[in-house]
Amino acid sequence: MSDLELIFTMLGEINKWHSVAETLLGWLVSKPKKSWVVVLFLLKNFYRIPISRMIL
């Protein structure tokens, strides 16, 4: 699976959980400093993607 396919798969999963995504978005806005660490941690756990590979 290419990186592009992986990104679209992730977007599809987020769309399935739209209300959860909206709740997380509201939380991201209210707690901008710690929230990105938590989101990356969740993505790493749910999708088993190395964080460094995602960023680079």
C-alpha atoms as a PDB file:
ATOM      1  CA  MET A   1       0.000   0.000   0.000  1.00  0.00           C
ATOM      2  CA  SER A   2       1.446   3.356  -1.010  1.00  0.00           C
ATOM      3  CA  ASP A   3       1.583   6.358   1.307  1.00  0.00           C
ATOM      4  CA  LEU A   4      -1.145   8.061  -0.731  1.00  0.00           C
ATOM      5  CA  GLU A   5      -3.464   5.066  -0.404  1.00  0.00           C
ATOM      6  CA  LEU A   6      -2.723   4.995   3.302  1.00  0.00           C
ATOM      7  CA  ILE A   7      -3.705   8.653   3.656  1.00  0.00           C
ATOM      8  CA  PHE A   8      -6.994   8.112   1.803  1.00  0.00           C
ATOM      9  CA  THR A   9      -7.719   5.056   3.952  1.00  0.00           C
ATOM     10  CA  MET A  10      -7.171   7.141   7.079  1.00  0.00           C
ATOM     11  CA  LEU A  11      -9.443   9.890   5.738  1.00  0.00           C
ATOM     12  CA  GLY A  12     -12.115   7.297   5.026  1.00  0.00           C
ATOM     13  CA  GLU A  13     -11.889   5.989   8.581  1.00  0.00           C
ATOM     14  CA  ILE A  14     -12.206   9.531   9.937  1.00  0.00           C
ATOM     15  CA  ASN A  15     -15.300  10.109   7.786  1.00  0.00           C
ATOM     16  CA  LYS A  16     -16.899   6.970   9.255  1.00  0.00           C
ATOM     17  CA  TRP A  17     -16.497   8.496  12.700  1.00  0.00           C
ATOM     18  CA  HIS A  18     -17.429  12.055  11.745  1.00  0.00           C
ATOM     19  CA  SER A  19     -19.056  12.962  15.055  1.00  0.00           C
ATOM     20  CA  VAL A  20     -16.010  11.677  16.932  1.00  0.00           C
ATOM     21  CA  ALA A  21     -13.770  13.663  14.591  1.00  0.00           C
ATOM     22  CA  GLU A  22     -15.802  16.815  15.274  1.00  0.00           C
ATOM     23  CA  THR A  23     -15.530  16.255  19.018  1.00  0.00           C
ATOM     24  CA  LEU A  24     -11.772  15.784  18.692  1.00  0.00           C
ATOM     25  CA  LEU A  25     -11.543  18.917  16.557  1.00  0.00           C
ATOM     26  CA  GLY A  26     -13.280  20.935  19.256  1.00  0.00           C
ATOM     27  CA  TRP A  27     -10.907  19.459  21.813  1.00  0.00           C
ATOM     28  CA  LEU A  28      -7.894  20.276  19.612  1.00  0.00           C
ATOM     29  CA  VAL A  29      -8.963  23.915  19.510  1.00  0.00           C
ATOM     30  CA  SER A  30      -9.456  24.094  23.272  1.00  0.00           C
ATOM     31  CA  LYS A  31      -6.197  22.284  24.144  1.00  0.00           C
ATOM     32  CA  PRO A  32      -3.782  22.983  21.275  1.00  0.00           C
ATOM     33  CA  LYS A  33      -0.547  22.129  23.077  1.00  0.00           C
ATOM     34  CA  LYS A  34      -1.106  18.587  24.348  1.00  0.00           C
ATOM     35  CA  SER A  35      -3.779  17.470  21.913  1.00  0.00           C
ATOM     36  CA  TRP A  36      -1.540  16.881  18.878  1.00  0.00           C
ATOM     37  CA  VAL A  37       0.627  14.502  20.891  1.00  0.00           C
ATOM     38  CA  VAL A  38      -2.491  12.552  21.851  1.00  0.00           C
ATOM     39  CA  VAL A  39      -3.798  12.495  18.260  1.00  0.00           C
ATOM     40  CA  LEU A  40      -0.477  11.220  16.907  1.00  0.00           C
ATOM     41  CA  PHE A  41      -0.412   8.613  19.685  1.00  0.00           C
ATOM     42  CA  LEU A  42      -3.929   7.450  18.781  1.00  0.00           C
ATOM     43  CA  LEU A  43      -3.085   7.322  15.072  1.00  0.00           C
ATOM     44  CA  LYS A  44       0.012   5.284  15.868  1.00  0.00           C
ATOM     45  CA  ASN A  45      -2.023   2.838  17.950  1.00  0.00           C
ATOM     46  CA  PHE A  46      -5.030   2.517  15.637  1.00  0.00           C
ATOM     47  CA  TYR A  47      -3.206   2.460  12.325  1.00  0.00           C
ATOM     48  CA  ARG A  48       0.188   1.083  13.440  1.00  0.00           C
ATOM     49  CA  ILE A  49       2.021   3.808  11.511  1.00  0.00           C
ATOM     50  CA  PRO A  50       5.434   4.997  12.629  1.00  0.00           C
ATOM     51  CA  ILE A  51       4.967   8.659  13.561  1.00  0.00           C
ATOM     52  CA  SER A  52       8.286   9.709  12.032  1.00  0.00           C
ATOM     53  CA  ARG A  53       7.233   8.218   8.692  1.00  0.00           C
ATOM     54  CA  MET A  54       3.917  10.104   8.824  1.00  0.00           C
ATOM     55  CA  ILE A  55       5.577  13.460   9.415  1.00  0.00           C
ATOM     56  CA  LEU A  56       8.383  13.008   6.865  1.00  0.00           C
END
